């Protein structure tokens, strides 16, 4: 008989907090880009497009160390999102 394994949904905020707890000892933080893009600002649009909605920041020196982060894949890479967990649908 086949037994289906239950999976656990996590909110994006909860997953970002898990990532940040793992990154903190390294002086890093997963950040969310705030605001919306103004189509009249071409340079701003170009820069924000490269940055992505989520990015990793070194908060001691302030450079962006990883732009355009896929939160779910990054969390799995860090080992904070387990096999039976997944990000809830937006």
C-alpha atoms as a PDB file:
ATOM      1  CA  UNK A   1       0.000   0.000   0.000  1.00  0.00           C
ATOM      2  CA  UNK A   2       1.303   3.459  -0.950  1.00  0.00           C
ATOM      3  CA  UNK A   3       1.425   6.022   1.852  1.00  0.00           C
ATOM      4  CA  UNK A   4       1.544   9.614   0.702  1.00  0.00           C
ATOM      5  CA  UNK A   5       4.051  11.764   2.566  1.00  0.00           C
ATOM      6  CA  UNK A   6       2.685  15.014   3.891  1.00  0.00           C
ATOM      7  CA  UNK A   7       4.448  18.188   2.908  1.00  0.00           C
ATOM      8  CA  UNK A   8       4.547  21.374   4.900  1.00  0.00           C
ATOM      9  CA  UNK A   9       3.942  24.784   3.338  1.00  0.00           C
ATOM     10  CA  UNK A  10       5.968  27.754   4.522  1.00  0.00           C
ATOM     11  CA  UNK A  11       5.272  31.411   3.907  1.00  0.00           C
ATOM     12  CA  UNK A  12       7.865  33.449   2.061  1.00  0.00           C
ATOM     13  CA  UNK A  13       8.448  35.587   5.174  1.00  0.00           C
ATOM     14  CA  UNK A  14       9.102  32.528   7.341  1.00  0.00           C
ATOM     15  CA  UNK A  15      11.535  31.153   4.766  1.00  0.00           C
ATOM     16  CA  UNK A  16      13.403  34.477   4.505  1.00  0.00           C
ATOM     17  CA  UNK A  17      13.719  34.544   8.321  1.00  0.00           C
ATOM     18  CA  UNK A  18      15.168  31.009   8.288  1.00  0.00           C
ATOM     19  CA  UNK A  19      17.674  32.037   5.616  1.00  0.00           C
ATOM     20  CA  UNK A  20      18.671  35.141   7.551  1.00  0.00           C
ATOM     21  CA  UNK A  21      19.270  33.166  10.752  1.00  0.00           C
ATOM     22  CA  UNK A  22      21.639  30.915   8.777  1.00  0.00           C
ATOM     23  CA  UNK A  23      23.364  33.863   7.041  1.00  0.00           C
ATOM     24  CA  UNK A  24      23.783  36.130  10.104  1.00  0.00           C
ATOM     25  CA  UNK A  25      27.060  34.588  11.418  1.00  0.00           C
ATOM     26  CA  UNK A  26      28.618  35.343   8.005  1.00  0.00           C
ATOM     27  CA  UNK A  27      27.485  38.979   8.106  1.00  0.00           C
ATOM     28  CA  UNK A  28      25.006  38.411   5.256  1.00  0.00           C
ATOM     29  CA  UNK A  29      21.281  39.076   4.907  1.00  0.00           C
ATOM     30  CA  UNK A  30      18.623  38.110   2.355  1.00  0.00           C
ATOM     31  CA  UNK A  31      16.765  41.305   1.487  1.00  0.00           C
ATOM     32  CA  UNK A  32      13.620  42.162  -0.459  1.00  0.00           C
ATOM     33  CA  UNK A  33      13.670  45.032  -2.937  1.00  0.00           C
ATOM     34  CA  UNK A  34      11.049  47.555  -1.889  1.00  0.00           C
ATOM     35  CA  UNK A  35       8.979  49.922  -3.985  1.00  0.00           C
ATOM     36  CA  UNK A  36       7.892  49.697  -7.555  1.00  0.00           C
ATOM     37  CA  UNK A  37       9.747  50.525 -10.711  1.00  0.00           C
ATOM     38  CA  UNK A  38       9.009  53.820 -12.416  1.00  0.00           C
ATOM     39  CA  UNK A  39       8.973  53.352 -16.224  1.00  0.00           C
ATOM     40  CA  UNK A  40      10.170  56.950 -16.619  1.00  0.00           C
ATOM     41  CA  UNK A  41      13.454  56.074 -14.914  1.00  0.00           C
ATOM     42  CA  UNK A  42      15.251  53.893 -17.460  1.00  0.00           C
ATOM     43  CA  UNK A  43      18.529  53.672 -15.501  1.00  0.00           C
ATOM     44  CA  UNK A  44      16.681  52.768 -12.306  1.00  0.00           C
ATOM     45  CA  UNK A  45      14.666  50.160 -14.198  1.00  0.00           C
ATOM     46  CA  UNK A  46      17.840  48.619 -15.628  1.00  0.00           C
ATOM     47  CA  UNK A  47      19.543  48.465 -12.211  1.00  0.00           C
ATOM     48  CA  UNK A  48      16.521  47.032 -10.416  1.00  0.00           C
ATOM     49  CA  UNK A  49      16.040  44.425 -13.137  1.00  0.00           C
ATOM     50  CA  UNK A  50      19.568  43.150 -12.512  1.00  0.00           C
ATOM     51  CA  UNK A  51      19.166  43.279  -8.755  1.00  0.00           C
ATOM     52  CA  UNK A  52      15.998  41.197  -8.751  1.00  0.00           C
ATOM     53  CA  UNK A  53      13.262  41.147  -6.144  1.00  0.00           C
ATOM     54  CA  UNK A  54      15.420  39.270  -3.606  1.00  0.00           C
ATOM     55  CA  UNK A  55      19.169  39.671  -3.099  1.00  0.00           C
ATOM     56  CA  UNK A  56      21.895  38.918  -0.543  1.00  0.00           C
ATOM     57  CA  UNK A  57      23.642  41.846   1.099  1.00  0.00           C
ATOM     58  CA  UNK A  58      26.856  41.913   3.152  1.00  0.00           C
ATOM     59  CA  UNK A  59      25.660  44.236   5.913  1.00  0.00           C
ATOM     60  CA  UNK A  60      29.170  44.875   7.285  1.00  0.00           C
ATOM     61  CA  UNK A  61      30.592  46.263   4.044  1.00  0.00           C
ATOM     62  CA  UNK A  62      27.291  46.942   2.202  1.00  0.00           C
ATOM     63  CA  UNK A  63      27.939  45.311  -1.188  1.00  0.00           C
ATOM     64  CA  UNK A  64      25.369  43.089  -2.846  1.00  0.00           C
ATOM     65  CA  UNK A  65      26.997  39.664  -2.924  1.00  0.00           C
ATOM     66  CA  UNK A  66      24.253  37.772  -4.766  1.00  0.00           C
ATOM     67  CA  UNK A  67      21.597  39.467  -6.938  1.00  0.00           C
ATOM     68  CA  UNK A  68      18.381  37.881  -8.260  1.00  0.00           C
ATOM     69  CA  UNK A  69      17.936  35.157  -5.640  1.00  0.00           C
ATOM     70  CA  UNK A  70      15.304  32.424  -6.051  1.00  0.00           C
ATOM     71  CA  UNK A  71      14.235  32.190  -2.386  1.00  0.00           C
ATOM     72  CA  UNK A  72      13.136  28.547  -2.427  1.00  0.00           C
ATOM     73  CA  UNK A  73      16.235  27.279  -4.255  1.00  0.00           C
ATOM     74  CA  UNK A  74      18.518  29.421  -2.079  1.00  0.00           C
ATOM     75  CA  UNK A  75      16.884  28.091   1.108  1.00  0.00           C
ATOM     76  CA  UNK A  76      17.460  24.519  -0.064  1.00  0.00           C
ATOM     77  CA  UNK A  77      21.087  25.395  -0.871  1.00  0.00           C
ATOM     78  CA  UNK A  78      21.521  26.743   2.685  1.00  0.00           C
ATOM     79  CA  UNK A  79      19.872  23.634   4.125  1.00  0.00           C
ATOM     80  CA  UNK A  80      17.026  25.525   5.831  1.00  0.00           C
ATOM     81  CA  UNK A  81      14.236  24.168   3.608  1.00  0.00           C
ATOM     82  CA  UNK A  82      13.886  20.420   4.018  1.00  0.00           C
ATOM     83  CA  UNK A  83      12.704  17.791   1.527  1.00  0.00           C
ATOM     84  CA  UNK A  84       9.139  17.653   2.793  1.00  0.00           C
ATOM     85  CA  UNK A  85       8.720  21.448   2.925  1.00  0.00           C
ATOM     86  CA  UNK A  86       7.887  23.862   0.136  1.00  0.00           C
ATOM     87  CA  UNK A  87       7.116  27.519  -0.369  1.00  0.00           C
ATOM     88  CA  UNK A  88       3.400  28.301  -0.413  1.00  0.00           C
ATOM     89  CA  UNK A  89       1.951  29.518  -3.711  1.00  0.00           C
ATOM     90  CA  UNK A  90       1.721  33.280  -3.910  1.00  0.00           C
END
